[in-house]
Amino acid sequence: IEIIRELEKENTEKEKLGQKVNRINMKVEDGRVVEWRLFEYNVISLPENFGVFNNLRSMTITRSQIESLPESFGKLKDLESLDLSNNKLISLPESFVNLTAIKNLNLSNNQLSEIPTQLWALKELTKLNLSNNPFNPEDATISQKVPDLIRDHLRKKATIRVFISHAVIDFEPYRIKDLVDYLETQKEISQVFFCEEDLAGNIDEWMLDAIQKCQLILFIGTQKSVFDSPDCANELQLADKFSIPVIPIKGNEINWPDLAEINLSRELGLEFDKENFDEFCSNLYEYILNFKREIDLMDKEARQKGITDIYERFRLILEEKISGIKRKIDDIAERIAKLEEKAN
């Protein structure tokens, strides 16, 4: 393995210079490396193929010069303990979200300016050390909390993928490309899928793959998409199958009861505003941010519960409003009855 050769070469050079040598400490079980400990090596980065050590359960690389980790690091899915303290890390790879078995993580004494959002996915995390990083004031405060509270904070900040469901005929009138361009420049949205640009190969296979990657769907509700688009109907079925929330955006030519016919709620939706498109885009993103903070979009069961809770709250609010209206009607009826009694 390339990195082992490099480390052995460094040890040889140290021995020649009469310097202290820290041997590569590995534990092997059944021919597989399950533990690796490195101290005080002049290593700036790990090789791209580091993911081949996918049987590692414990790993320590500390007091070295590590500035970055490769994307293949996310293949180390058996890792339970990881110590990367006293390095020069400024960020973590996106694939770090795959390391869901980690219980003990030490990232202290690095160069992280904010808490890596990837940590939201580490559900087994019970010990987390983030001390002595140059965090911004907000993250400096958050970093001192217990792991569950840190993860909840990061979940709300984590980027999401969005799928825009729309009829092909509505692409230009509803400025889909402009909407996508706007959303993809926003901090908490990493990618937006839409057919015209992202479609590759069989549409049904592409649709299945793309929707599963997303945490939120925007449905452009029009005469065509609601009443005469098998593709849009299929996308809504997939959203239901994978418990992906759908935010309906009502077009001008239909009414909310039309969307209710396909189980899309006015309470979760917005109305498209062609005349004030920039303001609409800004309002939509703000709505998405509030939606993210209200519902855990990263977990299927949490998404289901979150949507149910929202519907229940709206049901109770609606019942309260109806009761209020009924009381007013009863009050008016009582006053009319008294007036009629006086008149007689």
C-alpha atoms as a PDB file:
ATOM      1  CA  ILE A   1       0.000   0.000   0.000  1.00  0.00           C
ATOM      2  CA  GLU A   2       1.334   3.417  -1.038  1.00  0.00           C
ATOM      3  CA  ILE A   3       0.918   5.163   2.305  1.00  0.00           C
ATOM      4  CA  ILE A   4       2.686   2.365   4.216  1.00  0.00           C
ATOM      5  CA  ARG A   5       5.659   2.615   1.860  1.00  0.00           C
ATOM      6  CA  GLU A   6       5.772   6.394   2.377  1.00  0.00           C
ATOM      7  CA  LEU A   7       5.641   6.049   6.147  1.00  0.00           C
ATOM      8  CA  GLU A   8       8.363   3.391   6.167  1.00  0.00           C
ATOM      9  CA  LYS A   9      10.502   5.624   3.964  1.00  0.00           C
ATOM     10  CA  GLU A  10      10.034   8.464   6.458  1.00  0.00           C
ATOM     11  CA  ASN A  11      11.071   6.146   9.300  1.00  0.00           C
ATOM     12  CA  THR A  12      14.199   5.122   7.409  1.00  0.00           C
ATOM     13  CA  GLU A  13      15.156   8.777   6.922  1.00  0.00           C
ATOM     14  CA  LYS A  14      14.590   9.476  10.626  1.00  0.00           C
ATOM     15  CA  GLU A  15      16.787   6.517  11.606  1.00  0.00           C
ATOM     16  CA  LYS A  16      19.575   7.793   9.363  1.00  0.00           C
ATOM     17  CA  LEU A  17      19.373  11.171  11.102  1.00  0.00           C
ATOM     18  CA  GLY A  18      19.275   9.563  14.526  1.00  0.00           C
ATOM     19  CA  GLN A  19      15.784  10.881  15.187  1.00  0.00           C
ATOM     20  CA  LYS A  20      13.045   9.217  17.216  1.00  0.00           C
ATOM     21  CA  VAL A  21      10.977   6.774  15.150  1.00  0.00           C
ATOM     22  CA  ASN A  22       7.328   6.047  15.874  1.00  0.00           C
ATOM     23  CA  ARG A  23       6.588   2.657  14.415  1.00  0.00           C
ATOM     24  CA  ILE A  24       3.414   2.011  12.430  1.00  0.00           C
ATOM     25  CA  ASN A  25       1.156   0.277  14.927  1.00  0.00           C
ATOM     26  CA  MET A  26      -1.369  -2.025  13.275  1.00  0.00           C
ATOM     27  CA  LYS A  27      -3.614  -4.750  14.585  1.00  0.00           C
ATOM     28  CA  VAL A  28      -4.533  -7.477  12.103  1.00  0.00           C
ATOM     29  CA  GLU A  29      -7.300 -10.076  12.489  1.00  0.00           C
ATOM     30  CA  ASP A  30      -7.837 -12.787   9.874  1.00  0.00           C
ATOM     31  CA  GLY A  31      -5.612 -10.931   7.455  1.00  0.00           C
ATOM     32  CA  ARG A  32      -7.557  -7.671   7.859  1.00  0.00           C
ATOM     33  CA  VAL A  33      -6.319  -4.435   9.400  1.00  0.00           C
ATOM     34  CA  VAL A  34      -8.761  -3.538  12.195  1.00  0.00           C
ATOM     35  CA  GLU A  35      -6.700  -0.994  14.138  1.00  0.00           C
ATOM     36  CA  TRP A  36      -4.155   1.600  13.063  1.00  0.00           C
ATOM     37  CA  ARG A  37      -2.208   4.073  15.197  1.00  0.00           C
ATOM     38  CA  LEU A  38       0.163   6.729  13.839  1.00  0.00           C
ATOM     39  CA  PHE A  39       1.935   9.436  15.820  1.00  0.00           C
ATOM     40  CA  GLU A  40       4.063  12.360  14.692  1.00  0.00           C
ATOM     41  CA  TYR A  41       4.349  11.664  10.975  1.00  0.00           C
ATOM     42  CA  ASN A  42       4.893  14.325   8.338  1.00  0.00           C
ATOM     43  CA  VAL A  43       1.775  13.311   6.375  1.00  0.00           C
ATOM     44  CA  ILE A  44      -0.239  16.085   4.696  1.00  0.00           C
ATOM     45  CA  SER A  45      -2.963  13.883   3.208  1.00  0.00           C
ATOM     46  CA  LEU A  46      -4.034  10.285   2.866  1.00  0.00           C
ATOM     47  CA  PRO A  47      -4.076   8.615  -0.573  1.00  0.00           C
ATOM     48  CA  GLU A  48      -7.315   8.524  -2.561  1.00  0.00           C
ATOM     49  CA  ASN A  49      -7.547   4.737  -2.214  1.00  0.00           C
ATOM     50  CA  PHE A  50      -7.396   4.806   1.596  1.00  0.00           C
ATOM     51  CA  GLY A  51     -10.889   3.325   1.648  1.00  0.00           C
ATOM     52  CA  VAL A  52      -9.369  -0.108   1.022  1.00  0.00           C
ATOM     53  CA  PHE A  53      -8.883  -0.302   4.805  1.00  0.00           C
ATOM     54  CA  ASN A  54     -12.627  -0.777   5.170  1.00  0.00           C
ATOM     55  CA  ASN A  55     -12.291  -3.224   8.073  1.00  0.00           C
ATOM     56  CA  LEU A  56     -10.812  -0.650  10.427  1.00  0.00           C
ATOM     57  CA  ARG A  57     -12.639  -0.391  13.743  1.00  0.00           C
ATOM     58  CA  SER A  58     -10.221   1.966  15.472  1.00  0.00           C
ATOM     59  CA  MET A  59      -7.901   4.546  13.952  1.00  0.00           C
ATOM     60  CA  THR A  60      -5.555   7.156  15.364  1.00  0.00           C
ATOM     61  CA  ILE A  61      -3.520   9.639  13.342  1.00  0.00           C
ATOM     62  CA  THR A  62      -2.426  12.371  15.692  1.00  0.00           C
ATOM     63  CA  ARG A  63       0.298  15.005  16.066  1.00  0.00           C
ATOM     64  CA  SER A  64       0.861  14.898  12.310  1.00  0.00           C
ATOM     65  CA  GLN A  65       0.255  17.354   9.454  1.00  0.00           C
ATOM     66  CA  ILE A  66      -2.997  16.020   7.943  1.00  0.00           C
ATOM     67  CA  GLU A  67      -4.834  18.813   6.089  1.00  0.00           C
ATOM     68  CA  SER A  68      -7.496  16.776   4.295  1.00  0.00           C
ATOM     69  CA  LEU A  69      -9.079  13.338   4.001  1.00  0.00           C
ATOM     70  CA  PRO A  70      -9.997  11.617   0.719  1.00  0.00           C
ATOM     71  CA  GLU A  71     -13.610  10.904  -0.264  1.00  0.00           C
ATOM     72  CA  SER A  72     -12.828   7.190   0.013  1.00  0.00           C
ATOM     73  CA  PHE A  73     -12.537   7.729   3.785  1.00  0.00           C
ATOM     74  CA  GLY A  74     -16.309   7.294   3.851  1.00  0.00           C
ATOM     75  CA  LYS A  75     -15.823   3.592   3.057  1.00  0.00           C
ATOM     76  CA  LEU A  76     -14.500   2.934   6.562  1.00  0.00           C
ATOM     77  CA  LYS A  77     -18.001   2.108   7.747  1.00  0.00           C
ATOM     78  CA  ASP A  78     -16.868  -0.168  10.595  1.00  0.00           C
ATOM     79  CA  LEU A  79     -14.980   2.620  12.378  1.00  0.00           C
ATOM     80  CA  GLU A  80     -16.101   3.003  15.982  1.00  0.00           C
ATOM     81  CA  SER A  81     -13.248   5.107  17.318  1.00  0.00           C
ATOM     82  CA  LEU A  82     -11.416   7.819  15.362  1.00  0.00           C
ATOM     83  CA  ASP A  83      -8.762  10.174  16.698  1.00  0.00           C
ATOM     84  CA  LEU A  84      -7.557  12.872  14.286  1.00  0.00           C
ATOM     85  CA  SER A  85      -6.477  15.350  16.923  1.00  0.00           C
ATOM     86  CA  ASN A  86      -3.486  17.660  16.599  1.00  0.00           C
ATOM     87  CA  ASN A  87      -3.484  17.872  12.825  1.00  0.00           C
ATOM     88  CA  LYS A  88      -4.288  20.687  10.380  1.00  0.00           C
ATOM     89  CA  LEU A  89      -7.716  19.644   9.134  1.00  0.00           C
ATOM     90  CA  ILE A  90      -9.808  22.495   7.748  1.00  0.00           C
ATOM     91  CA  SER A  91     -12.785  20.350   6.646  1.00  0.00           C
ATOM     92  CA  LEU A  92     -14.099  16.801   6.307  1.00  0.00           C
ATOM     93  CA  PRO A  93     -15.095  15.015   3.082  1.00  0.00           C
ATOM     94  CA  GLU A  94     -18.799  14.753   2.242  1.00  0.00           C
ATOM     95  CA  SER A  95     -18.503  10.965   2.525  1.00  0.00           C
ATOM     96  CA  PHE A  96     -17.880  11.336   6.274  1.00  0.00           C
ATOM     97  CA  VAL A  97     -21.663  11.045   6.715  1.00  0.00           C
ATOM     98  CA  ASN A  98     -21.298   7.316   5.947  1.00  0.00           C
ATOM     99  CA  LEU A  99     -19.289   6.649   9.126  1.00  0.00           C
ATOM    100  CA  THR A 100     -22.419   6.028  11.156  1.00  0.00           C
ATOM    101  CA  ALA A 101     -20.796   3.452  13.480  1.00  0.00           C
ATOM    102  CA  ILE A 102     -18.464   5.984  15.117  1.00  0.00           C
ATOM    103  CA  LYS A 103     -18.986   6.277  18.869  1.00  0.00           C
ATOM    104  CA  ASN A 104     -15.827   8.159  19.838  1.00  0.00           C
ATOM    105  CA  LEU A 105     -14.486  11.024  17.690  1.00  0.00           C
ATOM    106  CA  ASN A 106     -11.629  13.386  18.503  1.00  0.00           C
ATOM    107  CA  LEU A 107     -11.104  16.380  16.185  1.00  0.00           C
ATOM    108  CA  SER A 108      -9.457  18.648  18.732  1.00  0.00           C
ATOM    109  CA  ASN A 109      -6.543  20.925  17.895  1.00  0.00           C
ATOM    110  CA  ASN A 110      -7.184  21.232  14.170  1.00  0.00           C
ATOM    111  CA  GLN A 111      -7.981  24.219  11.929  1.00  0.00           C
ATOM    112  CA  LEU A 112     -11.769  23.838  11.626  1.00  0.00           C
ATOM    113  CA  SER A 113     -13.478  27.227  11.323  1.00  0.00           C
ATOM    114  CA  GLU A 114     -16.931  25.676  11.776  1.00  0.00           C
ATOM    115  CA  ILE A 115     -18.266  22.380  13.074  1.00  0.00           C
ATOM    116  CA  PRO A 116     -18.408  20.005  10.073  1.00  0.00           C
ATOM    117  CA  THR A 117     -22.077  19.504   9.171  1.00  0.00           C
ATOM    118  CA  GLN A 118     -21.319  15.888   8.233  1.00  0.00           C
ATOM    119  CA  LEU A 119     -21.332  15.017  11.934  1.00  0.00           C
ATOM    120  CA  TRP A 120     -25.152  15.202  11.991  1.00  0.00           C
ATOM    121  CA  ALA A 121     -25.245  11.678  10.525  1.00  0.00           C
ATOM    122  CA  LEU A 122     -23.193  10.013  13.283  1.00  0.00           C
ATOM    123  CA  LYS A 123     -26.109   8.668  15.309  1.00  0.00           C
ATOM    124  CA  GLU A 124     -23.988   6.406  17.538  1.00  0.00           C
ATOM    125  CA  LEU A 125     -21.716   9.260  18.620  1.00  0.00           C
ATOM    126  CA  THR A 126     -21.406   9.474  22.410  1.00  0.00           C
ATOM    127  CA  LYS A 127     -17.972  11.091  22.828  1.00  0.00           C
ATOM    128  CA  LEU A 128     -16.952  14.095  20.736  1.00  0.00           C
ATOM    129  CA  ASN A 129     -13.978  16.382  21.286  1.00  0.00           C
ATOM    130  CA  LEU A 130     -13.909  19.577  19.209  1.00  0.00           C
ATOM    131  CA  SER A 131     -11.776  21.695  21.499  1.00  0.00           C
ATOM    132  CA  ASN A 132      -9.091  24.124  20.354  1.00  0.00           C
ATOM    133  CA  ASN A 133     -10.361  24.776  16.836  1.00  0.00           C
ATOM    134  CA  PRO A 134     -10.704  28.342  15.486  1.00  0.00           C
ATOM    135  CA  PHE A 135     -14.524  28.197  15.376  1.00  0.00           C
ATOM    136  CA  ASN A 136     -16.765  31.169  14.716  1.00  0.00           C
ATOM    137  CA  PRO A 137     -18.489  32.439  17.911  1.00  0.00           C
ATOM    138  CA  GLU A 138     -21.733  30.491  17.346  1.00  0.00           C
ATOM    139  CA  ASP A 139     -19.989  27.175  16.695  1.00  0.00           C
ATOM    140  CA  ALA A 140     -17.566  27.764  19.567  1.00  0.00           C
ATOM    141  CA  THR A 141     -20.571  27.804  21.900  1.00  0.00           C
ATOM    142  CA  ILE A 142     -22.325  24.858  20.235  1.00  0.00           C
ATOM    143  CA  SER A 143     -19.133  22.750  20.275  1.00  0.00           C
ATOM    144  CA  GLN A 144     -19.254  22.600  24.069  1.00  0.00           C
ATOM    145  CA  LYS A 145     -22.643  20.903  24.139  1.00  0.00           C
ATOM    146  CA  VAL A 146     -23.314  17.157  24.293  1.00  0.00           C
ATOM    147  CA  PRO A 147     -23.103  15.227  20.976  1.00  0.00           C
ATOM    148  CA  ASP A 148     -26.884  14.850  20.523  1.00  0.00           C
ATOM    149  CA  LEU A 149     -27.450  18.613  20.786  1.00  0.00           C
ATOM    150  CA  ILE A 150     -24.537  19.292  18.431  1.00  0.00           C
ATOM    151  CA  ARG A 151     -25.947  16.803  15.914  1.00  0.00           C
ATOM    152  CA  ASP A 152     -29.398  18.384  16.099  1.00  0.00           C
ATOM    153  CA  HIS A 153     -27.872  21.818  15.454  1.00  0.00           C
ATOM    154  CA  LEU A 154     -25.914  20.458  12.472  1.00  0.00           C
ATOM    155  CA  ARG A 155     -28.909  18.608  11.040  1.00  0.00           C
ATOM    156  CA  LYS A 156     -30.740  21.889  10.708  1.00  0.00           C
ATOM    157  CA  LYS A 157     -27.757  23.375   8.863  1.00  0.00           C
ATOM    158  CA  ALA A 158     -26.957  20.353   6.690  1.00  0.00           C
ATOM    159  CA  THR A 159     -27.353  20.726   2.954  1.00  0.00           C
ATOM    160  CA  ILE A 160     -30.167  18.880   1.180  1.00  0.00           C
ATOM    161  CA  ARG A 161     -30.917  17.731  -2.354  1.00  0.00           C
ATOM    162  CA  VAL A 162     -34.141  18.932  -3.949  1.00  0.00           C
ATOM    163  CA  PHE A 163     -36.144  17.444  -6.830  1.00  0.00           C
ATOM    164  CA  ILE A 164     -38.413  19.692  -8.916  1.00  0.00           C
ATOM    165  CA  SER A 165     -41.427  17.848 -10.303  1.00  0.00           C
ATOM    166  CA  HIS A 166     -43.059  19.662 -13.219  1.00  0.00           C
ATOM    167  CA  ALA A 167     -44.693  19.085 -16.577  1.00  0.00           C
ATOM    168  CA  VAL A 168     -42.354  19.602 -19.541  1.00  0.00           C
ATOM    169  CA  ILE A 169     -44.708  22.187 -21.043  1.00  0.00           C
ATOM    170  CA  ASP A 170     -44.343  24.292 -17.868  1.00  0.00           C
ATOM    171  CA  PHE A 171     -40.541  24.538 -18.033  1.00  0.00           C
ATOM    172  CA  GLU A 172     -40.393  27.983 -19.653  1.00  0.00           C
ATOM    173  CA  PRO A 173     -43.542  29.643 -18.205  1.00  0.00           C
ATOM    174  CA  TYR A 174     -42.508  28.729 -14.649  1.00  0.00           C
ATOM    175  CA  ARG A 175     -38.837  29.585 -15.177  1.00  0.00           C
ATOM    176  CA  ILE A 176     -37.639  26.224 -13.856  1.00  0.00           C
ATOM    177  CA  LYS A 177     -33.997  26.752 -14.893  1.00  0.00           C
ATOM    178  CA  ASP A 178     -33.889  30.170 -13.205  1.00  0.00           C
ATOM    179  CA  LEU A 179     -35.405  28.668 -10.072  1.00  0.00           C
ATOM    180  CA  VAL A 180     -32.818  25.865 -10.067  1.00  0.00           C
ATOM    181  CA  ASP A 181     -29.955  28.316 -10.556  1.00  0.00           C
ATOM    182  CA  TYR A 182     -31.177  30.395  -7.618  1.00  0.00           C
ATOM    183  CA  LEU A 183     -31.653  27.439  -5.252  1.00  0.00           C
ATOM    184  CA  GLU A 184     -28.257  25.900  -6.053  1.00  0.00           C
ATOM    185  CA  THR A 185     -26.501  29.100  -4.963  1.00  0.00           C
ATOM    186  CA  GLN A 186     -28.095  28.902  -1.513  1.00  0.00           C
ATOM    187  CA  LYS A 187     -26.011  27.677   1.405  1.00  0.00           C
ATOM    188  CA  GLU A 188     -28.218  24.813   2.583  1.00  0.00           C
ATOM    189  CA  ILE A 189     -29.051  23.280  -0.805  1.00  0.00           C
ATOM    190  CA  SER A 190     -26.351  21.148  -2.406  1.00  0.00           C
ATOM    191  CA  GLN A 191     -28.106  20.028  -5.597  1.00  0.00           C
ATOM    192  CA  VAL A 192     -31.389  20.431  -7.464  1.00  0.00           C
ATOM    193  CA  PHE A 193     -32.575  17.737  -9.878  1.00  0.00           C
ATOM    194  CA  PHE A 194     -34.823  18.440 -12.841  1.00  0.00           C
ATOM    195  CA  CYS A 195     -35.476  16.422 -15.998  1.00  0.00           C
ATOM    196  CA  GLU A 196     -34.324  18.803 -18.711  1.00  0.00           C
ATOM    197  CA  GLU A 197     -30.724  18.911 -17.483  1.00  0.00           C
ATOM    198  CA  ASP A 198     -30.182  15.825 -15.351  1.00  0.00           C
ATOM    199  CA  LEU A 199     -32.069  13.108 -17.235  1.00  0.00           C
ATOM    200  CA  ALA A 200     -29.815  10.312 -18.475  1.00  0.00           C
ATOM    201  CA  GLY A 201     -30.931   6.985 -19.956  1.00  0.00           C
ATOM    202  CA  ASN A 202     -34.297   5.455 -19.107  1.00  0.00           C
ATOM    203  CA  ILE A 203     -36.553   8.092 -17.539  1.00  0.00           C
ATOM    204  CA  ASP A 204     -38.150   5.697 -15.025  1.00  0.00           C
ATOM    205  CA  GLU A 205     -34.766   4.439 -13.805  1.00  0.00           C
ATOM    206  CA  TRP A 206     -33.374   7.970 -13.639  1.00  0.00           C
ATOM    207  CA  MET A 207     -36.434   9.196 -11.755  1.00  0.00           C
ATOM    208  CA  LEU A 208     -36.187   6.377  -9.197  1.00  0.00           C
ATOM    209  CA  ASP A 209     -32.496   7.045  -8.615  1.00  0.00           C
ATOM    210  CA  ALA A 210     -32.786  10.853  -8.466  1.00  0.00           C
ATOM    211  CA  ILE A 211     -35.762  10.981  -6.116  1.00  0.00           C
ATOM    212  CA  GLN A 212     -34.166   8.548  -3.661  1.00  0.00           C
ATOM    213  CA  LYS A 213     -31.173  10.887  -3.412  1.00  0.00           C
ATOM    214  CA  CYS A 214     -33.365  13.841  -2.425  1.00  0.00           C
ATOM    215  CA  GLN A 215     -34.780  14.983   0.897  1.00  0.00           C
ATOM    216  CA  LEU A 216     -37.430  17.336  -0.509  1.00  0.00           C
ATOM    217  CA  ILE A 217     -39.609  17.641  -3.607  1.00  0.00           C
ATOM    218  CA  LEU A 218     -41.053  20.832  -5.062  1.00  0.00           C
ATOM    219  CA  PHE A 219     -44.177  20.130  -7.135  1.00  0.00           C
ATOM    220  CA  ILE A 220     -45.135  22.778  -9.682  1.00  0.00           C
ATOM    221  CA  GLY A 221     -48.924  22.426  -9.697  1.00  0.00           C
ATOM    222  CA  THR A 222     -50.499  23.294 -13.051  1.00  0.00           C
ATOM    223  CA  GLN A 223     -53.339  22.057 -15.245  1.00  0.00           C
ATOM    224  CA  LYS A 224     -50.921  19.731 -17.029  1.00  0.00           C
ATOM    225  CA  SER A 225     -48.946  18.395 -14.045  1.00  0.00           C
ATOM    226  CA  VAL A 226     -52.037  17.770 -11.902  1.00  0.00           C
ATOM    227  CA  PHE A 227     -54.437  16.316 -14.470  1.00  0.00           C
ATOM    228  CA  ASP A 228     -52.418  15.034 -17.424  1.00  0.00           C
ATOM    229  CA  SER A 229     -48.827  14.055 -16.598  1.00  0.00           C
ATOM    230  CA  PRO A 230     -48.013  10.383 -15.928  1.00  0.00           C
ATOM    231  CA  ASP A 231     -44.421  11.352 -15.090  1.00  0.00           C
ATOM    232  CA  CYS A 232     -45.508  13.831 -12.411  1.00  0.00           C
ATOM    233  CA  ALA A 233     -47.930  11.267 -11.006  1.00  0.00           C
ATOM    234  CA  ASN A 234     -45.111   8.717 -10.852  1.00  0.00           C
ATOM    235  CA  GLU A 235     -42.832  11.201  -9.077  1.00  0.00           C
ATOM    236  CA  LEU A 236     -45.490  11.818  -6.428  1.00  0.00           C
ATOM    237  CA  GLN A 237     -45.923   8.063  -5.951  1.00  0.00           C
ATOM    238  CA  LEU A 238     -42.173   7.680  -5.435  1.00  0.00           C
ATOM    239  CA  ALA A 239     -42.195  10.565  -2.966  1.00  0.00           C
ATOM    240  CA  ASP A 240     -44.890   8.787  -0.982  1.00  0.00           C
ATOM    241  CA  LYS A 241     -43.051   5.457  -1.181  1.00  0.00           C
ATOM    242  CA  PHE A 242     -39.810   6.913   0.197  1.00  0.00           C
ATOM    243  CA  SER A 243     -41.508   9.324   2.638  1.00  0.00           C
ATOM    244  CA  ILE A 244     -40.082  12.410   0.962  1.00  0.00           C
ATOM    245  CA  PRO A 245     -42.035  15.589   1.787  1.00  0.00           C
ATOM    246  CA  VAL A 246     -43.609  17.483  -1.116  1.00  0.00           C
ATOM    247  CA  ILE A 247     -44.026  21.251  -1.105  1.00  0.00           C
ATOM    248  CA  PRO A 248     -46.740  22.114  -3.662  1.00  0.00           C
ATOM    249  CA  ILE A 249     -46.332  25.350  -5.608  1.00  0.00           C
ATOM    250  CA  LYS A 250     -49.728  26.335  -6.992  1.00  0.00           C
ATOM    251  CA  GLY A 251     -49.868  27.731 -10.496  1.00  0.00           C
ATOM    252  CA  ASN A 252     -52.373  30.361 -11.641  1.00  0.00           C
ATOM    253  CA  GLU A 253     -54.645  28.095 -13.646  1.00  0.00           C
ATOM    254  CA  ILE A 254     -55.626  25.708 -10.846  1.00  0.00           C
ATOM    255  CA  ASN A 255     -57.052  25.981  -7.323  1.00  0.00           C
ATOM    256  CA  TRP A 256     -55.964  24.436  -4.034  1.00  0.00           C
ATOM    257  CA  PRO A 257     -58.850  21.917  -4.090  1.00  0.00           C
ATOM    258  CA  ASP A 258     -57.339  20.590  -7.352  1.00  0.00           C
ATOM    259  CA  LEU A 259     -54.082  19.898  -5.526  1.00  0.00           C
ATOM    260  CA  ALA A 260     -55.980  18.379  -2.622  1.00  0.00           C
ATOM    261  CA  GLU A 261     -57.335  15.802  -5.088  1.00  0.00           C
ATOM    262  CA  ILE A 262     -53.782  14.438  -5.440  1.00  0.00           C
ATOM    263  CA  ASN A 263     -53.151  14.660  -1.679  1.00  0.00           C
ATOM    264  CA  LEU A 264     -51.136  17.872  -1.719  1.00  0.00           C
ATOM    265  CA  SER A 265     -51.936  20.227   1.105  1.00  0.00           C
ATOM    266  CA  ARG A 266     -52.394  23.970   0.959  1.00  0.00           C
ATOM    267  CA  GLU A 267     -50.945  24.139   4.461  1.00  0.00           C
ATOM    268  CA  LEU A 268     -47.552  22.939   3.151  1.00  0.00           C
ATOM    269  CA  GLY A 269     -47.597  24.972  -0.055  1.00  0.00           C
ATOM    270  CA  LEU A 270     -46.909  28.293  -1.729  1.00  0.00           C
ATOM    271  CA  GLU A 271     -48.322  30.150  -4.699  1.00  0.00           C
ATOM    272  CA  PHE A 272     -46.161  30.867  -7.729  1.00  0.00           C
ATOM    273  CA  ASP A 273     -45.630  34.584  -8.389  1.00  0.00           C
ATOM    274  CA  LYS A 274     -44.446  35.225 -11.932  1.00  0.00           C
ATOM    275  CA  GLU A 275     -44.666  39.011 -11.628  1.00  0.00           C
ATOM    276  CA  ASN A 276     -42.362  39.079  -8.581  1.00  0.00           C
ATOM    277  CA  PHE A 277     -40.185  36.094  -9.405  1.00  0.00           C
ATOM    278  CA  ASP A 278     -37.078  37.166  -7.448  1.00  0.00           C
ATOM    279  CA  GLU A 279     -39.124  37.768  -4.328  1.00  0.00           C
ATOM    280  CA  PHE A 280     -40.886  34.430  -4.872  1.00  0.00           C
ATOM    281  CA  CYS A 281     -37.520  32.624  -5.029  1.00  0.00           C
ATOM    282  CA  SER A 282     -36.367  34.311  -1.828  1.00  0.00           C
ATOM    283  CA  ASN A 283     -39.604  33.450  -0.029  1.00  0.00           C
ATOM    284  CA  LEU A 284     -39.421  29.864  -1.255  1.00  0.00           C
ATOM    285  CA  TYR A 285     -35.895  29.387   0.103  1.00  0.00           C
ATOM    286  CA  GLU A 286     -36.886  30.922   3.435  1.00  0.00           C
ATOM    287  CA  TYR A 287     -39.846  28.537   3.509  1.00  0.00           C
ATOM    288  CA  ILE A 288     -37.519  25.584   2.800  1.00  0.00           C
ATOM    289  CA  LEU A 289     -35.214  26.659   5.648  1.00  0.00           C
ATOM    290  CA  ASN A 290     -38.136  26.793   8.072  1.00  0.00           C
ATOM    291  CA  PHE A 291     -39.306  23.419   6.781  1.00  0.00           C
ATOM    292  CA  LYS A 292     -35.824  21.953   7.410  1.00  0.00           C
ATOM    293  CA  ARG A 293     -35.774  23.215  10.951  1.00  0.00           C
ATOM    294  CA  GLU A 294     -39.284  21.930  11.611  1.00  0.00           C
ATOM    295  CA  ILE A 295     -38.764  18.451  10.158  1.00  0.00           C
ATOM    296  CA  ASP A 296     -35.725  16.151  10.246  1.00  0.00           C
ATOM    297  CA  LEU A 297     -35.396  15.663   6.482  1.00  0.00           C
ATOM    298  CA  MET A 298     -32.395  13.382   6.858  1.00  0.00           C
ATOM    299  CA  ASP A 299     -34.221  10.434   8.386  1.00  0.00           C
ATOM    300  CA  LYS A 300     -37.158   8.584   6.814  1.00  0.00           C
ATOM    301  CA  GLU A 301     -39.001   7.835  10.054  1.00  0.00           C
ATOM    302  CA  ALA A 302     -38.445  11.373  11.324  1.00  0.00           C
ATOM    303  CA  ARG A 303     -39.794  12.769   8.039  1.00  0.00           C
ATOM    304  CA  GLN A 304     -42.962  10.692   8.389  1.00  0.00           C
ATOM    305  CA  LYS A 305     -43.480  11.797  11.989  1.00  0.00           C
ATOM    306  CA  GLY A 306     -42.682  15.433  11.208  1.00  0.00           C
ATOM    307  CA  ILE A 307     -45.214  15.659   8.391  1.00  0.00           C
ATOM    308  CA  THR A 308     -47.872  13.946  10.529  1.00  0.00           C
ATOM    309  CA  ASP A 309     -47.211  16.440  13.348  1.00  0.00           C
ATOM    310  CA  ILE A 310     -47.553  19.397  10.981  1.00  0.00           C
ATOM    311  CA  TYR A 311     -50.873  18.118   9.613  1.00  0.00           C
ATOM    312  CA  GLU A 312     -52.117  17.524  13.153  1.00  0.00           C
ATOM    313  CA  ARG A 313     -51.208  21.062  14.196  1.00  0.00           C
ATOM    314  CA  PHE A 314     -53.012  22.523  11.187  1.00  0.00           C
ATOM    315  CA  ARG A 315     -56.020  20.313  11.931  1.00  0.00           C
ATOM    316  CA  LEU A 316     -56.192  21.611  15.502  1.00  0.00           C
ATOM    317  CA  ILE A 317     -55.765  25.223  14.333  1.00  0.00           C
ATOM    318  CA  LEU A 318     -58.497  24.721  11.738  1.00  0.00           C
ATOM    319  CA  GLU A 319     -60.826  23.153  14.320  1.00  0.00           C
ATOM    320  CA  GLU A 320     -60.177  26.077  16.669  1.00  0.00           C
ATOM    321  CA  LYS A 321     -60.967  28.595  13.922  1.00  0.00           C
ATOM    322  CA  ILE A 322     -64.141  26.728  12.969  1.00  0.00           C
ATOM    323  CA  SER A 323     -65.197  26.619  16.622  1.00  0.00           C
ATOM    324  CA  GLY A 324     -64.553  30.351  16.877  1.00  0.00           C
ATOM    325  CA  ILE A 325     -66.653  31.036  13.780  1.00  0.00           C
ATOM    326  CA  LYS A 326     -69.429  28.806  15.133  1.00  0.00           C
ATOM    327  CA  ARG A 327     -69.420  30.714  18.447  1.00  0.00           C
ATOM    328  CA  LYS A 328     -69.711  33.998  16.586  1.00  0.00           C
ATOM    329  CA  ILE A 329     -72.598  32.648  14.480  1.00  0.00           C
ATOM    330  CA  ASP A 330     -74.358  31.391  17.624  1.00  0.00           C
ATOM    331  CA  ASP A 331     -73.800  34.787  19.258  1.00  0.00           C
ATOM    332  CA  ILE A 332     -75.251  36.608  16.243  1.00  0.00           C
ATOM    333  CA  ALA A 333     -78.201  34.204  16.137  1.00  0.00           C
ATOM    334  CA  GLU A 334     -78.851  34.849  19.829  1.00  0.00           C
ATOM    335  CA  ARG A 335     -78.793  38.614  19.291  1.00  0.00           C
ATOM    336  CA  ILE A 336     -81.176  38.343  16.346  1.00  0.00           C
ATOM    337  CA  ALA A 337     -83.529  36.210  18.435  1.00  0.00           C
ATOM    338  CA  LYS A 338     -83.520  38.830  21.224  1.00  0.00           C
ATOM    339  CA  LEU A 339     -84.183  41.645  18.727  1.00  0.00           C
ATOM    340  CA  GLU A 340     -87.079  39.686  17.221  1.00  0.00           C
ATOM    341  CA  GLU A 341     -88.441  39.053  20.729  1.00  0.00           C
ATOM    342  CA  LYS A 342     -88.346  42.784  21.523  1.00  0.00           C
ATOM    343  CA  ALA A 343     -89.970  43.619  18.199  1.00  0.00           C
ATOM    344  CA  ASN A 344     -92.862  41.300  18.975  1.00  0.00           C
END
